[in-house]
C-alpha atoms as a PDB file:
ATOM      1  CA  MET A   1      39.619 -63.769  26.925  1.00  0.00           C
ATOM      2  CA  ARG A   2      39.086 -61.925  23.640  1.00  0.00           C
ATOM      3  CA  ARG A   3      35.359 -61.672  24.521  1.00  0.00           C
ATOM      4  CA  MET A   4      36.284 -60.185  28.026  1.00  0.00           C
ATOM      5  CA  LYS A   5      38.561 -57.578  26.257  1.00  0.00           C
ATOM      6  CA  THR A   6      35.723 -56.686  23.693  1.00  0.00           C
ATOM      7  CA  PHE A   7      33.222 -56.230  26.536  1.00  0.00           C
ATOM      8  CA  LEU A   8      35.465 -53.988  28.608  1.00  0.00           C
ATOM      9  CA  ARG A   9      36.263 -51.741  25.533  1.00  0.00           C
ATOM     10  CA  SER A  10      32.540 -51.444  24.949  1.00  0.00           C
ATOM     11  CA  ILE A  11      31.949 -50.279  28.434  1.00  0.00           C
ATOM     12  CA  SER A  12      35.009 -47.840  28.241  1.00  0.00           C
ATOM     13  CA  VAL A  13      33.375 -46.261  24.792  1.00  0.00           C
ATOM     14  CA  GLN A  14      29.909 -45.793  26.542  1.00  0.00           C
ATOM     15  CA  ALA A  15      31.354 -44.020  29.435  1.00  0.00           C
ATOM     16  CA  ARG A  16      33.365 -41.845  27.157  1.00  0.00           C
ATOM     17  CA  ARG A  17      30.343 -40.942  25.240  1.00  0.00           C
ATOM     18  CA  ARG A  18      28.334 -40.058  28.333  1.00  0.00           C
ATOM     19  CA  ARG A  19      30.981 -37.858  29.742  1.00  0.00           C
ATOM     20  CA  LEU A  20      31.171 -35.996  26.256  1.00  0.00           C
ATOM     21  CA  ALA A  21      27.268 -35.630  26.159  1.00  0.00           C
ATOM     22  CA  ARG A  22      27.402 -34.289  29.701  1.00  0.00           C
ATOM     23  CA  PRO A  23      27.865 -30.395  29.371  1.00  0.00           C
ATOM     24  CA  THR A  24      30.821 -28.704  31.273  1.00  0.00           C
ATOM     25  CA  PRO A  25      30.097 -26.013  33.770  1.00  0.00           C
ATOM     26  CA  PHE A  26      31.106 -23.373  31.115  1.00  0.00           C
ATOM     27  CA  ALA A  27      28.737 -25.015  28.688  1.00  0.00           C
ATOM     28  CA  ALA A  28      25.899 -25.052  30.833  1.00  0.00           C
ATOM     29  CA  LEU A  29      26.464 -21.386  31.724  1.00  0.00           C
ATOM     30  CA  LEU A  30      26.592 -20.328  27.984  1.00  0.00           C
ATOM     31  CA  LEU A  31      23.190 -22.339  27.147  1.00  0.00           C
ATOM     32  CA  TRP A  32      21.610 -20.470  30.165  1.00  0.00           C
ATOM     33  CA  ALA A  33      22.823 -17.254  28.873  1.00  0.00           C
ATOM     34  CA  LEU A  34      21.358 -17.818  25.416  1.00  0.00           C
ATOM     35  CA  VAL A  35      17.863 -18.192  26.814  1.00  0.00           C
ATOM     36  CA  PRO A  36      15.773 -15.018  26.090  1.00  0.00           C
ATOM     37  CA  LEU A  37      15.265 -13.026  29.030  1.00  0.00           C
ATOM     38  CA  ARG A  38      11.560 -12.488  30.063  1.00  0.00           C
ATOM     39  CA  PRO A  39      10.559  -9.580  32.426  1.00  0.00           C
ATOM     40  CA  ALA A  40       8.943 -10.861  35.656  1.00  0.00           C
ATOM     41  CA  HIS A  41       5.779  -8.711  34.868  1.00  0.00           C
ATOM     42  CA  ALA A  42       5.282 -10.340  31.451  1.00  0.00           C
ATOM     43  CA  GLN A  43       2.670 -12.951  32.625  1.00  0.00           C
ATOM     44  CA  ALA A  44       0.748 -12.884  29.491  1.00  0.00           C
ATOM     45  CA  ILE A  45       0.963 -12.783  25.811  1.00  0.00           C
ATOM     46  CA  GLU A  46       0.375  -9.214  24.347  1.00  0.00           C
ATOM     47  CA  ARG A  47      -2.616  -9.507  21.888  1.00  0.00           C
ATOM     48  CA  ALA A  48      -3.943  -7.190  18.991  1.00  0.00           C
ATOM     49  CA  PRO A  49      -7.094  -5.301  20.195  1.00  0.00           C
ATOM     50  CA  ASP A  50     -10.195  -7.417  19.468  1.00  0.00           C
ATOM     51  CA  THR A  51     -11.872  -4.799  17.330  1.00  0.00           C
ATOM     52  CA  MET A  52     -13.432  -5.091  13.894  1.00  0.00           C
ATOM     53  CA  GLU A  53     -10.972  -2.496  12.658  1.00  0.00           C
ATOM     54  CA  ALA A  54      -7.980  -4.662  13.639  1.00  0.00           C
ATOM     55  CA  ARG A  55      -9.805  -7.999  12.373  1.00  0.00           C
ATOM     56  CA  LEU A  56     -10.081  -6.262   8.842  1.00  0.00           C
ATOM     57  CA  GLN A  57      -6.589  -5.105   8.413  1.00  0.00           C
ATOM     58  CA  PRO A  58      -6.056  -7.909   5.705  1.00  0.00           C
ATOM     59  CA  CYS A  59      -8.691  -6.164   3.577  1.00  0.00           C
ATOM     60  CA  ALA A  60      -6.766  -2.990   3.686  1.00  0.00           C
ATOM     61  CA  ALA A  61      -4.260  -4.181   1.111  1.00  0.00           C
ATOM     62  CA  CYS A  62      -6.997  -4.041  -1.466  1.00  0.00           C
ATOM     63  CA  HIS A  63      -9.777  -1.768  -0.136  1.00  0.00           C
ATOM     64  CA  GLY A  64      -8.070   0.712   2.194  1.00  0.00           C
ATOM     65  CA  ALA A  65      -7.922   0.992   5.766  1.00  0.00           C
ATOM     66  CA  GLN A  66     -11.376   2.792   5.870  1.00  0.00           C
ATOM     67  CA  GLY A  67     -12.667   1.130   2.700  1.00  0.00           C
ATOM     68  CA  GLN A  68     -11.745   4.065   0.439  1.00  0.00           C
ATOM     69  CA  GLY A  69     -10.036   1.903  -2.178  1.00  0.00           C
ATOM     70  CA  VAL A  70      -6.441   2.153  -3.347  1.00  0.00           C
ATOM     71  CA  ALA A  71      -5.353   4.932  -5.761  1.00  0.00           C
ATOM     72  CA  ASN A  72      -3.125   2.427  -7.801  1.00  0.00           C
ATOM     73  CA  SER A  73      -5.699  -0.177  -8.498  1.00  0.00           C
ATOM     74  CA  ASP A  74      -8.863  -0.002 -10.800  1.00  0.00           C
ATOM     75  CA  SER A  75      -9.917  -3.634  -9.615  1.00  0.00           C
ATOM     76  CA  PHE A  76     -11.002  -3.162  -6.146  1.00  0.00           C
ATOM     77  CA  PRO A  77     -13.918  -0.884  -5.223  1.00  0.00           C
ATOM     78  CA  ARG A  78     -14.654   1.740  -2.507  1.00  0.00           C
ATOM     79  CA  LEU A  79     -16.582   0.165   0.044  1.00  0.00           C
ATOM     80  CA  ALA A  80     -16.721   3.348   2.521  1.00  0.00           C
ATOM     81  CA  GLY A  81     -20.037   4.689   3.105  1.00  0.00           C
ATOM     82  CA  LYS A  82     -22.201   2.347   1.146  1.00  0.00           C
ATOM     83  CA  PRO A  83     -25.350   1.015   2.570  1.00  0.00           C
ATOM     84  CA  ALA A  84     -24.691  -1.867   5.034  1.00  0.00           C
ATOM     85  CA  GLY A  85     -27.411  -3.970   3.347  1.00  0.00           C
ATOM     86  CA  TYR A  86     -25.808  -3.686   0.118  1.00  0.00           C
ATOM     87  CA  LEU A  87     -22.391  -4.574   1.452  1.00  0.00           C
ATOM     88  CA  TYR A  88     -23.765  -7.550   3.322  1.00  0.00           C
ATOM     89  CA  ASN A  89     -25.591  -8.803   0.264  1.00  0.00           C
ATOM     90  CA  GLN A  90     -22.243  -8.660  -1.688  1.00  0.00           C
ATOM     91  CA  LEU A  91     -20.464 -10.643   1.138  1.00  0.00           C
ATOM     92  CA  VAL A  92     -23.101 -13.267   0.913  1.00  0.00           C
ATOM     93  CA  ALA A  93     -22.962 -13.369  -2.802  1.00  0.00           C
ATOM     94  CA  PHE A  94     -19.162 -13.859  -2.619  1.00  0.00           C
ATOM     95  CA  ARG A  95     -19.690 -16.650   0.053  1.00  0.00           C
ATOM     96  CA  ILE A  96     -22.195 -18.767  -2.057  1.00  0.00           C
ATOM     97  CA  GLY A  97     -20.643 -18.077  -5.342  1.00  0.00           C
ATOM     98  CA  ARG A  98     -23.295 -15.645  -6.911  1.00  0.00           C
ATOM     99  CA  ARG A  99     -20.323 -13.360  -7.337  1.00  0.00           C
ATOM    100  CA  HIS A 100     -17.078 -14.951  -8.860  1.00  0.00           C
ATOM    101  CA  TYR A 101     -13.698 -13.746  -7.492  1.00  0.00           C
ATOM    102  CA  ALA A 102     -11.432 -16.600  -6.159  1.00  0.00           C
ATOM    103  CA  PRO A 103      -9.857 -14.597  -3.282  1.00  0.00           C
ATOM    104  CA  MET A 104     -12.991 -13.283  -1.962  1.00  0.00           C
ATOM    105  CA  ASN A 105     -15.002 -16.667  -2.401  1.00  0.00           C
ATOM    106  CA  TYR A 106     -12.204 -18.394  -0.557  1.00  0.00           C
ATOM    107  CA  LEU A 107     -11.921 -15.731   2.279  1.00  0.00           C
ATOM    108  CA  LEU A 108     -15.568 -15.729   2.808  1.00  0.00           C
ATOM    109  CA  GLU A 109     -16.453 -19.323   2.369  1.00  0.00           C
ATOM    110  CA  PHE A 110     -16.957 -20.162   5.988  1.00  0.00           C
ATOM    111  CA  GLN A 111     -17.966 -16.835   7.608  1.00  0.00           C
ATOM    112  CA  LEU A 112     -21.345 -16.685   9.345  1.00  0.00           C
ATOM    113  CA  ASP A 113     -24.034 -14.189   8.882  1.00  0.00           C
ATOM    114  CA  PRO A 114     -23.563 -12.006  12.008  1.00  0.00           C
ATOM    115  CA  TYR A 115     -19.922 -11.633  11.162  1.00  0.00           C
ATOM    116  CA  LEU A 116     -20.655 -10.576   7.604  1.00  0.00           C
ATOM    117  CA  ARG A 117     -23.156  -8.008   8.808  1.00  0.00           C
ATOM    118  CA  ALA A 118     -20.482  -6.684  11.398  1.00  0.00           C
ATOM    119  CA  MET A 119     -18.107  -6.308   8.389  1.00  0.00           C
ATOM    120  CA  ALA A 120     -20.751  -4.631   6.290  1.00  0.00           C
ATOM    121  CA  GLU A 121     -21.571  -2.193   9.235  1.00  0.00           C
ATOM    122  CA  PHE A 122     -18.088  -1.240   9.924  1.00  0.00           C
ATOM    123  CA  TYR A 123     -17.569  -0.168   6.275  1.00  0.00           C
ATOM    124  CA  ALA A 124     -20.781   1.550   5.960  1.00  0.00           C
ATOM    125  CA  ALA A 125     -19.835   3.699   8.876  1.00  0.00           C
ATOM    126  CA  GLN A 126     -16.754   5.093   7.293  1.00  0.00           C
ATOM    127  CA  ARG A 127     -16.524   8.410   5.544  1.00  0.00           C
ATOM    128  CA  PRO A 128     -13.094   8.975   4.116  1.00  0.00           C
ATOM    129  CA  PRO A 129     -13.107  11.626   1.427  1.00  0.00           C
ATOM    130  CA  LEU A 130     -13.875  10.638  -1.967  1.00  0.00           C
ATOM    131  CA  PRO A 131     -10.980  10.892  -4.674  1.00  0.00           C
ATOM    132  CA  ALA A 132     -10.783  13.346  -7.151  1.00  0.00           C
ATOM    133  CA  PRO A 133     -12.903  12.713 -10.260  1.00  0.00           C
ATOM    134  CA  ALA A 134     -11.370  10.974 -13.034  1.00  0.00           C
ATOM    135  CA  VAL A 135     -10.064  12.798 -16.148  1.00  0.00           C
ATOM    136  CA  PRO A 136     -11.927  11.563 -18.967  1.00  0.00           C
ATOM    137  CA  ILE A 137     -10.165   9.619 -21.849  1.00  0.00           C
ATOM    138  CA  VAL A 138     -13.144   9.413 -24.255  1.00  0.00           C
ATOM    139  CA  SER A 139     -14.759  12.066 -26.495  1.00  0.00           C
ATOM    140  CA  ASN A 140     -17.205  14.387 -25.486  1.00  0.00           C
ATOM    141  CA  ASP A 141     -19.787  12.569 -27.612  1.00  0.00           C
ATOM    142  CA  VAL A 142     -19.287   9.601 -25.645  1.00  0.00           C
ATOM    143  CA  LEU A 143     -19.570  11.576 -22.303  1.00  0.00           C
ATOM    144  CA  ARG A 144     -22.849  13.018 -23.529  1.00  0.00           C
ATOM    145  CA  LEU A 145     -24.257   9.815 -24.202  1.00  0.00           C
ATOM    146  CA  GLY A 146     -23.279   8.579 -20.775  1.00  0.00           C
ATOM    147  CA  GLN A 147     -24.761  11.410 -19.284  1.00  0.00           C
ATOM    148  CA  SER A 148     -28.066  11.019 -21.058  1.00  0.00           C
ATOM    149  CA  ILE A 149     -28.392   7.190 -20.001  1.00  0.00           C
ATOM    150  CA  VAL A 150     -27.507   7.884 -16.622  1.00  0.00           C
ATOM    151  CA  MET A 151     -29.778  10.973 -16.210  1.00  0.00           C
ATOM    152  CA  HIS A 152     -32.630  10.162 -18.389  1.00  0.00           C
ATOM    153  CA  GLY A 153     -32.288   6.423 -19.372  1.00  0.00           C
ATOM    154  CA  ASP A 154     -33.617   5.224 -22.848  1.00  0.00           C
ATOM    155  CA  PRO A 155     -37.291   4.264 -22.400  1.00  0.00           C
ATOM    156  CA  SER A 156     -37.379   2.955 -26.082  1.00  0.00           C
ATOM    157  CA  ARG A 157     -34.926   0.214 -24.973  1.00  0.00           C
ATOM    158  CA  GLY A 158     -36.407  -0.397 -21.558  1.00  0.00           C
ATOM    159  CA  ILE A 159     -33.349   1.319 -19.830  1.00  0.00           C
ATOM    160  CA  PRO A 160     -34.333   3.355 -16.744  1.00  0.00           C
ATOM    161  CA  ALA A 161     -32.202   6.185 -15.599  1.00  0.00           C
ATOM    162  CA  CYS A 162     -29.532   5.211 -13.194  1.00  0.00           C
ATOM    163  CA  SER A 163     -30.386   8.182 -10.961  1.00  0.00           C
ATOM    164  CA  GLY A 164     -34.022   6.748 -10.624  1.00  0.00           C
ATOM    165  CA  CYS A 165     -32.344   4.038  -8.112  1.00  0.00           C
ATOM    166  CA  HIS A 166     -28.941   5.224  -7.160  1.00  0.00           C
ATOM    167  CA  GLY A 167     -30.207   8.962  -6.500  1.00  0.00           C
ATOM    168  CA  PRO A 168     -29.736  12.248  -8.204  1.00  0.00           C
ATOM    169  CA  SER A 169     -26.253  12.611  -6.541  1.00  0.00           C
ATOM    170  CA  PHE A 170     -25.448   8.951  -6.905  1.00  0.00           C
ATOM    171  CA  THR A 171     -24.904   8.249  -3.306  1.00  0.00           C
ATOM    172  CA  GLY A 172     -27.242   5.355  -3.234  1.00  0.00           C
ATOM    173  CA  MET A 173     -30.304   4.491  -0.734  1.00  0.00           C
ATOM    174  CA  GLU A 174     -30.634   2.766   2.225  1.00  0.00           C
ATOM    175  CA  PRO A 175     -30.740  -0.135   2.847  1.00  0.00           C
ATOM    176  CA  ALA A 176     -29.201  -1.625  -0.124  1.00  0.00           C
ATOM    177  CA  ILE A 177     -28.715   0.568  -3.127  1.00  0.00           C
ATOM    178  CA  PRO A 178     -25.078   1.381  -3.506  1.00  0.00           C
ATOM    179  CA  GLY A 179     -23.427   4.873  -4.372  1.00  0.00           C
ATOM    180  CA  LEU A 180     -21.553   5.085  -7.772  1.00  0.00           C
ATOM    181  CA  LEU A 181     -19.090   7.751  -6.570  1.00  0.00           C
ATOM    182  CA  GLY A 182     -15.305   7.047  -6.140  1.00  0.00           C
ATOM    183  CA  LEU A 183     -15.379   4.154  -8.739  1.00  0.00           C
ATOM    184  CA  LYS A 184     -12.830   3.911 -11.588  1.00  0.00           C
ATOM    185  CA  PRO A 185     -14.516   3.488 -14.992  1.00  0.00           C
ATOM    186  CA  SER A 186     -12.803   0.255 -15.748  1.00  0.00           C
ATOM    187  CA  TYR A 187     -14.407  -1.134 -12.560  1.00  0.00           C
ATOM    188  CA  ILE A 188     -17.985   0.078 -13.430  1.00  0.00           C
ATOM    189  CA  SER A 189     -17.510  -1.063 -16.751  1.00  0.00           C
ATOM    190  CA  ALA A 190     -16.531  -4.685 -15.606  1.00  0.00           C
ATOM    191  CA  GLN A 191     -19.518  -4.851 -13.249  1.00  0.00           C
ATOM    192  CA  LEU A 192     -21.905  -3.938 -16.040  1.00  0.00           C
ATOM    193  CA  GLY A 193     -20.427  -6.714 -18.228  1.00  0.00           C
ATOM    194  CA  ALA A 194     -20.440  -9.142 -15.470  1.00  0.00           C
ATOM    195  CA  TRP A 195     -24.286  -8.696 -15.219  1.00  0.00           C
ATOM    196  CA  ARG A 196     -24.738  -8.581 -18.913  1.00  0.00           C
ATOM    197  CA  TYR A 197     -23.116 -11.945 -19.108  1.00  0.00           C
ATOM    198  CA  GLY A 198     -24.374 -13.447 -15.943  1.00  0.00           C
ATOM    199  CA  THR A 199     -21.171 -13.703 -14.146  1.00  0.00           C
ATOM    200  CA  ARG A 200     -22.493 -11.359 -11.295  1.00  0.00           C
ATOM    201  CA  THR A 201     -26.165 -12.090  -9.986  1.00  0.00           C
ATOM    202  CA  ALA A 202     -28.322 -10.812  -7.305  1.00  0.00           C
ATOM    203  CA  THR A 203     -31.654 -12.264  -5.778  1.00  0.00           C
ATOM    204  CA  ALA A 204     -34.521 -12.441  -8.245  1.00  0.00           C
ATOM    205  CA  PRO A 205     -35.840 -10.224  -9.745  1.00  0.00           C
ATOM    206  CA  ASP A 206     -32.327  -9.449 -10.673  1.00  0.00           C
ATOM    207  CA  CYS A 207     -32.857  -5.751 -11.816  1.00  0.00           C
ATOM    208  CA  MET A 208     -29.324  -4.895 -12.544  1.00  0.00           C
ATOM    209  CA  GLN A 209     -29.009  -8.004 -14.790  1.00  0.00           C
ATOM    210  CA  ILE A 210     -32.187  -6.743 -16.695  1.00  0.00           C
ATOM    211  CA  VAL A 211     -31.110  -3.227 -17.173  1.00  0.00           C
ATOM    212  CA  ALA A 212     -27.450  -4.181 -18.088  1.00  0.00           C
ATOM    213  CA  GLY A 213     -28.807  -6.682 -20.758  1.00  0.00           C
ATOM    214  CA  HIS A 214     -30.232  -3.791 -22.602  1.00  0.00           C
ATOM    215  CA  LEU A 215     -27.086  -1.883 -22.832  1.00  0.00           C
ATOM    216  CA  THR A 216     -24.682  -2.111 -25.727  1.00  0.00           C
ATOM    217  CA  GLU A 217     -20.780  -2.278 -25.240  1.00  0.00           C
ATOM    218  CA  GLY A 218     -20.715   1.268 -26.323  1.00  0.00           C
ATOM    219  CA  ASP A 219     -23.390   2.318 -23.686  1.00  0.00           C
ATOM    220  CA  VAL A 220     -21.319   0.437 -20.983  1.00  0.00           C
ATOM    221  CA  THR A 221     -18.216   2.563 -21.854  1.00  0.00           C
ATOM    222  CA  ALA A 222     -20.144   5.794 -21.853  1.00  0.00           C
ATOM    223  CA  VAL A 223     -21.978   5.262 -18.791  1.00  0.00           C
ATOM    224  CA  ALA A 224     -18.737   4.114 -16.841  1.00  0.00           C
ATOM    225  CA  ALA A 225     -16.865   7.156 -18.168  1.00  0.00           C
ATOM    226  CA  TRP A 226     -19.408   9.824 -17.220  1.00  0.00           C
ATOM    227  CA  LEU A 227     -19.982   8.296 -13.838  1.00  0.00           C
ATOM    228  CA  SER A 228     -16.314   8.358 -12.937  1.00  0.00           C
ATOM    229  CA  THR A 229     -15.978  12.067 -13.750  1.00  0.00           C
ATOM    230  CA  LEU A 230     -18.630  13.160 -10.991  1.00  0.00           C
ATOM    231  CA  PRO A 231     -17.318  15.335  -8.222  1.00  0.00           C
ATOM    232  CA  SER A 232     -18.153  14.589  -4.549  1.00  0.00           C
ATOM    233  CA  PRO A 233     -21.422  16.207  -3.334  1.00  0.00           C
ATOM    234  CA  GLU A 234     -21.502  18.159  -0.129  1.00  0.00           C
ATOM    235  CA  ASN A 235     -23.182  15.330   1.447  1.00  0.00           C
ATOM    236  CA  ALA A 236     -22.221  11.775   0.284  1.00  0.00           C
ATOM    237  CA  ALA A 237     -24.419   9.777   2.573  1.00  0.00           C
ATOM    238  CA  PRO A 238     -26.898   7.420   1.028  1.00  0.00           C
ATOM    239  CA  LEU A 239     -30.617   8.583   1.051  1.00  0.00           C
ATOM    240  CA  PRO A 240     -32.875   7.344   3.644  1.00  0.00           C
ATOM    241  CA  ARG A 241     -34.951   4.433   2.935  1.00  0.00           C
ATOM    242  CA  GLY A 242     -37.902   5.236   0.699  1.00  0.00           C
ATOM    243  CA  THR A 243     -36.744   8.468  -0.529  1.00  0.00           C
ATOM    244  CA  LEU A 244     -37.022   7.322  -4.236  1.00  0.00           C
ATOM    245  CA  ALA A 245     -39.891   5.291  -5.847  1.00  0.00           C
ATOM    246  CA  LEU A 246     -37.906   2.538  -7.767  1.00  0.00           C
ATOM    247  CA  PRO A 247     -38.740   2.207 -11.459  1.00  0.00           C
ATOM    248  CA  LEU A 248     -38.578  -1.483 -11.260  1.00  0.00           C
ATOM    249  CA  ALA A 249     -38.620  -4.192  -8.660  1.00  0.00           C
ATOM    250  CA  CYS A 250     -35.211  -5.389  -7.302  1.00  0.00           C
ATOM    251  CA  GLY A 251     -34.955  -8.600  -5.314  1.00  0.00           C
ATOM    252  CA  SER A 252     -31.873  -7.197  -3.482  1.00  0.00           C
ATOM    253  CA  GLU A 253     -33.835  -4.039  -2.197  1.00  0.00           C
ATOM    254  CA  PRO A 254     -36.467  -5.273   0.296  1.00  0.00           C
ATOM    255  CA  SER A 255     -39.960  -3.662  -0.083  1.00  0.00           C
END
């Protein structure tokens, strides 16, 4: 008899639980009302436009929407208007670790060559205005030294003029020599230092590593300071390929 009562009590409890679990008409109506309405015409998920501009929006945080750089940062360079060959070379250098900057190395690690070329061509085609020249914070003597090295080099130390490769207006030359305008002095100094100490390299013969190896710390400061004060020329586009006879061979600039 005791077992029978226990069995019947168990059945009663289970039935009560099923009744509680079953929604009342009011509860069912409330649940239905909370389901977000979907327009009858919304048959497909809206997607962002599949353009290179849209794909490169994450890059804008550091380099600007058009690759113009950001005004409040000295660490991220202007990309806009530089030759596509140069930009492509740098993207590959980050991908394979020839240039060292962890976020760029990580982001580019698995990108394929055609996509890197498309990225380079996008930024090369941009023409946002150049920023205002930097106000020098060094002495006039330092600026004169920088101007002398940039415009004439120092043959006694094996230093060619920067203008011999980057052009008299420093807009660069197609297909792979960059312009030097619109860059902060601290960025220019950091890159020259990276070449001097081998943390930035290019395809052999690495002409910039050779040139930077002949510069002193004072030279680097002077060159970076003077270049950052240059105004924008009327035409900031890179020179056509072959305009300049380079003073030395560069592996990153195809012959």
